[in-house]
PDB file of N, CA and C in Angstrom:
ATOM      1  N   MET A   1     -30.508 132.177  56.509  1.00  0.00           N
ATOM      2  CA  MET A   1     -30.051 130.923  57.057  1.00  0.00           C
ATOM      3  C   MET A   1     -28.804 131.173  57.903  1.00  0.00           C
ATOM      4  N   GLN A   2     -28.807 130.710  59.119  1.00  0.00           N
ATOM      5  CA  GLN A   2     -27.698 130.890  60.047  1.00  0.00           C
ATOM      6  C   GLN A   2     -26.693 129.755  59.878  1.00  0.00           C
ATOM      7  N   SER A   3     -25.426 130.070  59.949  1.00  0.00           N
ATOM      8  CA  SER A   3     -24.367 129.079  59.822  1.00  0.00           C
ATOM      9  C   SER A   3     -23.653 128.943  61.160  1.00  0.00           C
ATOM     10  N   ASN A   4     -22.925 127.854  61.336  1.00  0.00           N
ATOM     11  CA  ASN A   4     -22.148 127.711  62.558  1.00  0.00           C
ATOM     12  C   ASN A   4     -20.735 128.246  62.382  1.00  0.00           C
ATOM     13  N   MET A   5     -20.529 129.013  61.320  1.00  0.00           N
ATOM     14  CA  MET A   5     -19.246 129.675  61.112  1.00  0.00           C
ATOM     15  C   MET A   5     -19.467 131.003  60.410  1.00  0.00           C
ATOM     16  N   LEU A   6     -18.456 131.823  60.419  1.00  0.00           N
ATOM     17  CA  LEU A   6     -18.510 133.108  59.742  1.00  0.00           C
ATOM     18  C   LEU A   6     -17.916 132.919  58.354  1.00  0.00           C
ATOM     19  N   ASN A   7     -18.702 133.159  57.335  1.00  0.00           N
ATOM     20  CA  ASN A   7     -18.259 133.004  55.954  1.00  0.00           C
ATOM     21  C   ASN A   7     -17.789 134.350  55.421  1.00  0.00           C
ATOM     22  N   PHE A   8     -16.628 134.357  54.770  1.00  0.00           N
ATOM     23  CA  PHE A   8     -16.114 135.555  54.112  1.00  0.00           C
ATOM     24  C   PHE A   8     -16.319 135.422  52.611  1.00  0.00           C
ATOM     25  N   ILE A   9     -16.476 136.544  51.930  1.00  0.00           N
ATOM     26  CA  ILE A   9     -16.608 136.500  50.476  1.00  0.00           C
ATOM     27  C   ILE A   9     -15.353 135.928  49.838  1.00  0.00           C
ATOM     28  N   THR A  10     -14.228 136.041  50.514  1.00  0.00           N
ATOM     29  CA  THR A  10     -12.974 135.518  49.969  1.00  0.00           C
ATOM     30  C   THR A  10     -12.870 133.999  50.081  1.00  0.00           C
ATOM     31  N   ASP A  11     -13.835 133.360  50.744  1.00  0.00           N
ATOM     32  CA  ASP A  11     -13.834 131.897  50.834  1.00  0.00           C
ATOM     33  C   ASP A  11     -14.056 131.262  49.468  1.00  0.00           C
ATOM     34  N   THR A  12     -14.708 131.979  48.579  1.00  0.00           N
ATOM     35  CA  THR A  12     -14.947 131.529  47.209  1.00  0.00           C
ATOM     36  C   THR A  12     -14.378 132.594  46.274  1.00  0.00           C
ATOM     37  N   PRO A  13     -13.104 132.481  45.924  1.00  0.00           N
ATOM     38  CA  PRO A  13     -12.459 133.516  45.114  1.00  0.00           C
ATOM     39  C   PRO A  13     -13.146 133.719  43.768  1.00  0.00           C
ATOM     40  N   SER A  14     -13.258 134.973  43.393  1.00  0.00           N
ATOM     41  CA  SER A  14     -13.780 135.354  42.082  1.00  0.00           C
ATOM     42  C   SER A  14     -13.175 136.703  41.735  1.00  0.00           C
ATOM     43  N   SER A  15     -13.375 137.144  40.514  1.00  0.00           N
ATOM     44  CA  SER A  15     -12.847 138.459  40.131  1.00  0.00           C
ATOM     45  C   SER A  15     -13.515 139.567  40.951  1.00  0.00           C
ATOM     46  N   ASP A  16     -14.797 139.400  41.275  1.00  0.00           N
ATOM     47  CA  ASP A  16     -15.495 140.409  42.080  1.00  0.00           C
ATOM     48  C   ASP A  16     -14.951 140.478  43.500  1.00  0.00           C
ATOM     49  N   THR A  17     -14.712 139.323  44.115  1.00  0.00           N
ATOM     50  CA  THR A  17     -14.195 139.339  45.489  1.00  0.00           C
ATOM     51  C   THR A  17     -12.763 139.861  45.522  1.00  0.00           C
ATOM     52  N   LYS A  18     -11.967 139.522  44.530  1.00  0.00           N
ATOM     53  CA  LYS A  18     -10.596 140.042  44.468  1.00  0.00           C
ATOM     54  C   LYS A  18     -10.603 141.556  44.316  1.00  0.00           C
ATOM     55  N   ARG A  19     -11.491 142.067  43.473  1.00  0.00           N
ATOM     56  CA  ARG A  19     -11.587 143.507  43.261  1.00  0.00           C
ATOM     57  C   ARG A  19     -12.012 144.213  44.548  1.00  0.00           C
ATOM     58  N   LEU A  20     -13.024 143.674  45.223  1.00  0.00           N
ATOM     59  CA  LEU A  20     -13.493 144.280  46.471  1.00  0.00           C
ATOM     60  C   LEU A  20     -12.382 144.291  47.517  1.00  0.00           C
ATOM     61  N   LEU A  21     -11.669 143.186  47.642  1.00  0.00           N
ATOM     62  CA  LEU A  21     -10.589 143.117  48.617  1.00  0.00           C
ATOM     63  C   LEU A  21      -9.487 144.121  48.282  1.00  0.00           C
ATOM     64  N   LEU A  22      -9.159 144.266  47.014  1.00  0.00           N
ATOM     65  CA  LEU A  22      -8.154 145.259  46.622  1.00  0.00           C
ATOM     66  C   LEU A  22      -8.610 146.674  46.960  1.00  0.00           C
ATOM     67  N   GLN A  23      -9.874 146.970  46.725  1.00  0.00           N
ATOM     68  CA  GLN A  23     -10.410 148.307  47.008  1.00  0.00           C
ATOM     69  C   GLN A  23     -10.471 148.604  48.500  1.00  0.00           C
ATOM     70  N   GLN A  24     -10.692 147.589  49.308  1.00  0.00           N
ATOM     71  CA  GLN A  24     -10.909 147.777  50.745  1.00  0.00           C
ATOM     72  C   GLN A  24      -9.733 147.312  51.607  1.00  0.00           C
ATOM     73  N   LYS A  25      -8.627 146.917  51.019  1.00  0.00           N
ATOM     74  CA  LYS A  25      -7.589 146.211  51.766  1.00  0.00           C
ATOM     75  C   LYS A  25      -6.939 147.004  52.892  1.00  0.00           C
ATOM     76  N   HIS A  26      -7.046 148.323  52.875  1.00  0.00           N
ATOM     77  CA  HIS A  26      -6.455 149.127  53.951  1.00  0.00           C
ATOM     78  C   HIS A  26      -7.495 149.614  54.955  1.00  0.00           C
ATOM     79  N   GLU A  27      -8.717 149.149  54.813  1.00  0.00           N
ATOM     80  CA  GLU A  27      -9.788 149.536  55.737  1.00  0.00           C
ATOM     81  C   GLU A  27      -9.711 148.700  57.019  1.00  0.00           C
ATOM     82  N   THR A  28     -10.313 149.217  58.073  1.00  0.00           N
ATOM     83  CA  THR A  28     -10.384 148.496  59.341  1.00  0.00           C
ATOM     84  C   THR A  28     -11.391 147.358  59.224  1.00  0.00           C
ATOM     85  N   LEU A  29     -11.028 146.200  59.745  1.00  0.00           N
ATOM     86  CA  LEU A  29     -11.914 145.037  59.788  1.00  0.00           C
ATOM     87  C   LEU A  29     -12.739 145.135  61.065  1.00  0.00           C
ATOM     88  N   VAL A  30     -14.050 145.182  60.919  1.00  0.00           N
ATOM     89  CA  VAL A  30     -14.947 145.342  62.063  1.00  0.00           C
ATOM     90  C   VAL A  30     -15.928 144.177  62.093  1.00  0.00           C
ATOM     91  N   PHE A  31     -16.111 143.610  63.274  1.00  0.00           N
ATOM     92  CA  PHE A  31     -17.104 142.564  63.491  1.00  0.00           C
ATOM     93  C   PHE A  31     -18.229 143.147  64.325  1.00  0.00           C
ATOM     94  N   LYS A  32     -19.469 142.881  63.897  1.00  0.00           N
ATOM     95  CA  LYS A  32     -20.652 143.363  64.614  1.00  0.00           C
ATOM     96  C   LYS A  32     -21.606 142.202  64.840  1.00  0.00           C
ATOM     97  N   ASN A  33     -22.370 142.290  65.934  1.00  0.00           N
ATOM     98  CA  ASN A  33     -23.418 141.289  66.123  1.00  0.00           C
ATOM     99  C   ASN A  33     -24.585 141.646  65.204  1.00  0.00           C
ATOM    100  N   LEU A  34     -25.607 140.824  65.182  1.00  0.00           N
ATOM    101  CA  LEU A  34     -26.719 141.049  64.254  1.00  0.00           C
ATOM    102  C   LEU A  34     -27.550 142.271  64.604  1.00  0.00           C
ATOM    103  N   SER A  35     -27.356 142.822  65.810  1.00  0.00           N
ATOM    104  CA  SER A  35     -28.028 144.066  66.202  1.00  0.00           C
ATOM    105  C   SER A  35     -27.213 145.289  65.808  1.00  0.00           C
ATOM    106  N   GLY A  36     -26.019 145.072  65.257  1.00  0.00           N
ATOM    107  CA  GLY A  36     -25.179 146.175  64.818  1.00  0.00           C
ATOM    108  C   GLY A  36     -24.166 146.654  65.846  1.00  0.00           C
ATOM    109  N   GLN A  37     -24.113 146.015  67.008  1.00  0.00           N
ATOM    110  CA  GLN A  37     -23.154 146.396  68.045  1.00  0.00           C
ATOM    111  C   GLN A  37     -21.770 145.861  67.684  1.00  0.00           C
ATOM    112  N   GLN A  38     -20.767 146.732  67.780  1.00  0.00           N
ATOM    113  CA  GLN A  38     -19.406 146.325  67.453  1.00  0.00           C
ATOM    114  C   GLN A  38     -18.886 145.315  68.465  1.00  0.00           C
ATOM    115  N   LEU A  39     -18.341 144.223  67.952  1.00  0.00           N
ATOM    116  CA  LEU A  39     -17.754 143.177  68.789  1.00  0.00           C
ATOM    117  C   LEU A  39     -16.236 143.304  68.858  1.00  0.00           C
ATOM    118  N   ALA A  40     -15.621 143.650  67.735  1.00  0.00           N
ATOM    119  CA  ALA A  40     -14.162 143.773  67.670  1.00  0.00           C
ATOM    120  C   ALA A  40     -13.790 144.544  66.412  1.00  0.00           C
ATOM    121  N   ARG A  41     -12.573 145.086  66.439  1.00  0.00           N
ATOM    122  CA  ARG A  41     -12.048 145.773  65.256  1.00  0.00           C
ATOM    123  C   ARG A  41     -10.559 145.504  65.152  1.00  0.00           C
ATOM    124  N   PHE A  42     -10.100 145.393  63.925  1.00  0.00           N
ATOM    125  CA  PHE A  42      -8.699 145.103  63.657  1.00  0.00           C
ATOM    126  C   PHE A  42      -8.203 146.080  62.592  1.00  0.00           C
ATOM    127  N   ILE A  43      -7.119 146.769  62.903  1.00  0.00           N
ATOM    128  CA  ILE A  43      -6.497 147.680  61.946  1.00  0.00           C
ATOM    129  C   ILE A  43      -5.842 146.836  60.852  1.00  0.00           C
ATOM    130  N   ALA A  44      -5.902 147.328  59.628  1.00  0.00           N
ATOM    131  CA  ALA A  44      -5.325 146.593  58.498  1.00  0.00           C
ATOM    132  C   ALA A  44      -3.817 146.436  58.657  1.00  0.00           C
ATOM    133  N   PRO A  45      -3.294 145.297  58.241  1.00  0.00           N
ATOM    134  CA  PRO A  45      -1.835 145.131  58.214  1.00  0.00           C
ATOM    135  C   PRO A  45      -1.222 146.169  57.268  1.00  0.00           C
ATOM    136  N   LYS A  46       0.040 146.442  57.437  1.00  0.00           N
ATOM    137  CA  LYS A  46       0.717 147.454  56.622  1.00  0.00           C
ATOM    138  C   LYS A  46       0.522 147.205  55.124  1.00  0.00           C
ATOM    139  N   GLN A  47       0.589 145.947  54.703  1.00  0.00           N
ATOM    140  CA  GLN A  47       0.448 145.610  53.281  1.00  0.00           C
ATOM    141  C   GLN A  47      -1.012 145.543  52.836  1.00  0.00           C
ATOM    142  N   GLY A  48      -1.945 145.667  53.786  1.00  0.00           N
ATOM    143  CA  GLY A  48      -3.369 145.540  53.476  1.00  0.00           C
ATOM    144  C   GLY A  48      -3.828 144.108  53.703  1.00  0.00           C
ATOM    145  N   TRP A  49      -5.128 143.943  53.798  1.00  0.00           N
ATOM    146  CA  TRP A  49      -5.707 142.621  54.063  1.00  0.00           C
ATOM    147  C   TRP A  49      -5.558 141.704  52.861  1.00  0.00           C
ATOM    148  N   THR A  50      -5.300 140.445  53.143  1.00  0.00           N
ATOM    149  CA  THR A  50      -5.339 139.392  52.128  1.00  0.00           C
ATOM    150  C   THR A  50      -6.366 138.359  52.594  1.00  0.00           C
ATOM    151  N   ALA A  51      -6.748 137.473  51.714  1.00  0.00           N
ATOM    152  CA  ALA A  51      -7.675 136.405  52.103  1.00  0.00           C
ATOM    153  C   ALA A  51      -7.074 135.580  53.240  1.00  0.00           C
ATOM    154  N   TRP A  52      -5.766 135.365  53.204  1.00  0.00           N
ATOM    155  CA  TRP A  52      -5.089 134.606  54.260  1.00  0.00           C
ATOM    156  C   TRP A  52      -5.178 135.339  55.600  1.00  0.00           C
ATOM    157  N   ASP A  53      -4.965 136.649  55.598  1.00  0.00           N
ATOM    158  CA  ASP A  53      -5.071 137.435  56.836  1.00  0.00           C
ATOM    159  C   ASP A  53      -6.469 137.319  57.433  1.00  0.00           C
ATOM    160  N   LEU A  54      -7.484 137.440  56.589  1.00  0.00           N
ATOM    161  CA  LEU A  54      -8.867 137.346  57.068  1.00  0.00           C
ATOM    162  C   LEU A  54      -9.135 135.965  57.661  1.00  0.00           C
ATOM    163  N   TRP A  55      -8.634 134.936  57.007  1.00  0.00           N
ATOM    164  CA  TRP A  55      -8.800 133.574  57.517  1.00  0.00           C
ATOM    165  C   TRP A  55      -8.154 133.436  58.891  1.00  0.00           C
ATOM    166  N   GLN A  56      -6.952 133.987  59.057  1.00  0.00           N
ATOM    167  CA  GLN A  56      -6.251 133.892  60.339  1.00  0.00           C
ATOM    168  C   GLN A  56      -7.023 134.589  61.454  1.00  0.00           C
ATOM    169  N   VAL A  57      -7.578 135.758  61.174  1.00  0.00           N
ATOM    170  CA  VAL A  57      -8.370 136.465  62.186  1.00  0.00           C
ATOM    171  C   VAL A  57      -9.591 135.631  62.550  1.00  0.00           C
ATOM    172  N   ARG A  58     -10.268 135.102  61.545  1.00  0.00           N
ATOM    173  CA  ARG A  58     -11.477 134.310  61.794  1.00  0.00           C
ATOM    174  C   ARG A  58     -11.200 133.132  62.728  1.00  0.00           C
ATOM    175  N   GLN A  59     -10.039 132.516  62.612  1.00  0.00           N
ATOM    176  CA  GLN A  59      -9.697 131.364  63.450  1.00  0.00           C
ATOM    177  C   GLN A  59      -9.588 131.731  64.927  1.00  0.00           C
ATOM    178  N   GLN A  60      -9.407 133.012  65.224  1.00  0.00           N
ATOM    179  CA  GLN A  60      -9.234 133.466  66.602  1.00  0.00           C
ATOM    180  C   GLN A  60     -10.530 133.965  67.243  1.00  0.00           C
ATOM    181  N   LEU A  61     -11.613 134.005  66.490  1.00  0.00           N
ATOM    182  CA  LEU A  61     -12.861 134.556  67.015  1.00  0.00           C
ATOM    183  C   LEU A  61     -13.530 133.597  67.994  1.00  0.00           C
ATOM    184  N   PRO A  62     -14.213 134.148  68.990  1.00  0.00           N
ATOM    185  CA  PRO A  62     -14.924 133.296  69.955  1.00  0.00           C
ATOM    186  C   PRO A  62     -16.034 132.496  69.268  1.00  0.00           C
ATOM    187  N   PRO A  63     -16.131 131.208  69.532  1.00  0.00           N
ATOM    188  CA  PRO A  63     -17.138 130.357  68.885  1.00  0.00           C
ATOM    189  C   PRO A  63     -18.579 130.827  69.102  1.00  0.00           C
ATOM    190  N   HIS A  64     -18.867 131.459  70.232  1.00  0.00           N
ATOM    191  CA  HIS A  64     -20.250 131.882  70.481  1.00  0.00           C
ATOM    192  C   HIS A  64     -20.701 132.974  69.514  1.00  0.00           C
ATOM    193  N   TRP A  65     -19.773 133.687  68.887  1.00  0.00           N
ATOM    194  CA  TRP A  65     -20.169 134.670  67.878  1.00  0.00           C
ATOM    195  C   TRP A  65     -20.880 133.983  66.722  1.00  0.00           C
ATOM    196  N   PHE A  66     -20.439 132.777  66.393  1.00  0.00           N
ATOM    197  CA  PHE A  66     -21.013 132.074  65.253  1.00  0.00           C
ATOM    198  C   PHE A  66     -22.440 131.631  65.533  1.00  0.00           C
ATOM    199  N   THR A  67     -22.705 131.192  66.742  1.00  0.00           N
ATOM    200  CA  THR A  67     -24.052 130.735  67.075  1.00  0.00           C
ATOM    201  C   THR A  67     -24.995 131.897  67.339  1.00  0.00           C
ATOM    202  N   GLN A  68     -24.465 133.017  67.828  1.00  0.00           N
ATOM    203  CA  GLN A  68     -25.301 134.190  68.095  1.00  0.00           C
ATOM    204  C   GLN A  68     -25.485 135.055  66.853  1.00  0.00           C
ATOM    205  N   GLY A  69     -24.601 134.907  65.887  1.00  0.00           N
ATOM    206  CA  GLY A  69     -24.684 135.664  64.648  1.00  0.00           C
ATOM    207  C   GLY A  69     -23.755 136.859  64.657  1.00  0.00           C
ATOM    208  N   ALA A  70     -23.047 137.033  63.554  1.00  0.00           N
ATOM    209  CA  ALA A  70     -22.109 138.145  63.423  1.00  0.00           C
ATOM    210  C   ALA A  70     -21.918 138.480  61.951  1.00  0.00           C
ATOM    211  N   LYS A  71     -21.481 139.718  61.718  1.00  0.00           N
ATOM    212  CA  LYS A  71     -21.150 140.177  60.373  1.00  0.00           C
ATOM    213  C   LYS A  71     -19.774 140.818  60.415  1.00  0.00           C
ATOM    214  N   ALA A  72     -19.072 140.767  59.288  1.00  0.00           N
ATOM    215  CA  ALA A  72     -17.736 141.344  59.176  1.00  0.00           C
ATOM    216  C   ALA A  72     -17.738 142.394  58.069  1.00  0.00           C
ATOM    217  N   TYR A  73     -17.065 143.496  58.345  1.00  0.00           N
ATOM    218  CA  TYR A  73     -16.984 144.602  57.391  1.00  0.00           C
ATOM    219  C   TYR A  73     -15.539 145.038  57.222  1.00  0.00           C
ATOM    220  N   LEU A  74     -15.172 145.371  55.997  1.00  0.00           N
ATOM    221  CA  LEU A  74     -13.945 146.116  55.731  1.00  0.00           C
ATOM    222  C   LEU A  74     -14.423 147.503  55.361  1.00  0.00           C
ATOM    223  N   GLY A  75     -14.167 148.464  56.228  1.00  0.00           N
ATOM    224  CA  GLY A  75     -14.765 149.774  56.037  1.00  0.00           C
ATOM    225  C   GLY A  75     -16.272 149.615  56.119  1.00  0.00           C
ATOM    226  N   GLU A  76     -16.980 150.063  55.105  1.00  0.00           N
ATOM    227  CA  GLU A  76     -18.441 149.944  55.059  1.00  0.00           C
ATOM    228  C   GLU A  76     -18.902 148.723  54.266  1.00  0.00           C
ATOM    229  N   ALA A  77     -17.950 148.009  53.660  1.00  0.00           N
ATOM    230  CA  ALA A  77     -18.298 146.875  52.795  1.00  0.00           C
ATOM    231  C   ALA A  77     -18.493 145.599  53.612  1.00  0.00           C
ATOM    232  N   LEU A  78     -19.654 144.986  53.485  1.00  0.00           N
ATOM    233  CA  LEU A  78     -19.933 143.702  54.128  1.00  0.00           C
ATOM    234  C   LEU A  78     -19.110 142.628  53.427  1.00  0.00           C
ATOM    235  N   ILE A  79     -18.244 141.965  54.191  1.00  0.00           N
ATOM    236  CA  ILE A  79     -17.398 140.925  53.588  1.00  0.00           C
ATOM    237  C   ILE A  79     -17.588 139.559  54.224  1.00  0.00           C
ATOM    238  N   GLY A  80     -18.383 139.489  55.288  1.00  0.00           N
ATOM    239  CA  GLY A  80     -18.578 138.205  55.936  1.00  0.00           C
ATOM    240  C   GLY A  80     -19.792 138.206  56.834  1.00  0.00           C
ATOM    241  N   SER A  81     -20.351 137.011  57.033  1.00  0.00           N
ATOM    242  CA  SER A  81     -21.541 136.893  57.861  1.00  0.00           C
ATOM    243  C   SER A  81     -21.760 135.437  58.249  1.00  0.00           C
ATOM    244  N   THR A  82     -22.442 135.246  59.376  1.00  0.00           N
ATOM    245  CA  THR A  82     -22.890 133.906  59.733  1.00  0.00           C
ATOM    246  C   THR A  82     -24.170 133.566  58.983  1.00  0.00           C
ATOM    247  N   ALA A  83     -24.828 134.573  58.420  1.00  0.00           N
ATOM    248  CA  ALA A  83     -26.003 134.357  57.578  1.00  0.00           C
ATOM    249  C   ALA A  83     -25.498 134.215  56.146  1.00  0.00           C
ATOM    250  N   ILE A  84     -25.454 133.012  55.659  1.00  0.00           N
ATOM    251  CA  ILE A  84     -24.832 132.714  54.370  1.00  0.00           C
ATOM    252  C   ILE A  84     -25.373 133.596  53.252  1.00  0.00           C
ATOM    253  N   LYS A  85     -26.668 133.852  53.231  1.00  0.00           N
ATOM    254  CA  LYS A  85     -27.268 134.630  52.144  1.00  0.00           C
ATOM    255  C   LYS A  85     -26.738 136.054  52.087  1.00  0.00           C
ATOM    256  N   ASP A  86     -26.200 136.580  53.192  1.00  0.00           N
ATOM    257  CA  ASP A  86     -25.691 137.947  53.206  1.00  0.00           C
ATOM    258  C   ASP A  86     -24.451 138.129  52.351  1.00  0.00           C
ATOM    259  N   VAL A  87     -23.662 137.081  52.187  1.00  0.00           N
ATOM    260  CA  VAL A  87     -22.383 137.232  51.505  1.00  0.00           C
ATOM    261  C   VAL A  87     -22.308 136.522  50.161  1.00  0.00           C
ATOM    262  N   LEU A  88     -23.375 135.885  49.742  1.00  0.00           N
ATOM    263  CA  LEU A  88     -23.361 135.207  48.443  1.00  0.00           C
ATOM    264  C   LEU A  88     -23.713 136.164  47.344  1.00  0.00           C
TER     265      LEU A  88
END
């Protein structure tokens, strides 16, 4: 199912999402289209990624990414997608 926004696993906090974020917090944040082509990459902040940091980046993304489909990764870990089922 396609969404009109990019959903992050941190949108619904849980012990699993907190653990994943702690493990991956110094990894590069990469956005890819649904074909796997890199759209953008962001180096982790010095303190590592927080849910707030991820939210702030998401607010700056071009709206057409949401309608065309995109996925977000911290390192190799899938942490966000416009396809809701990918991150639940």
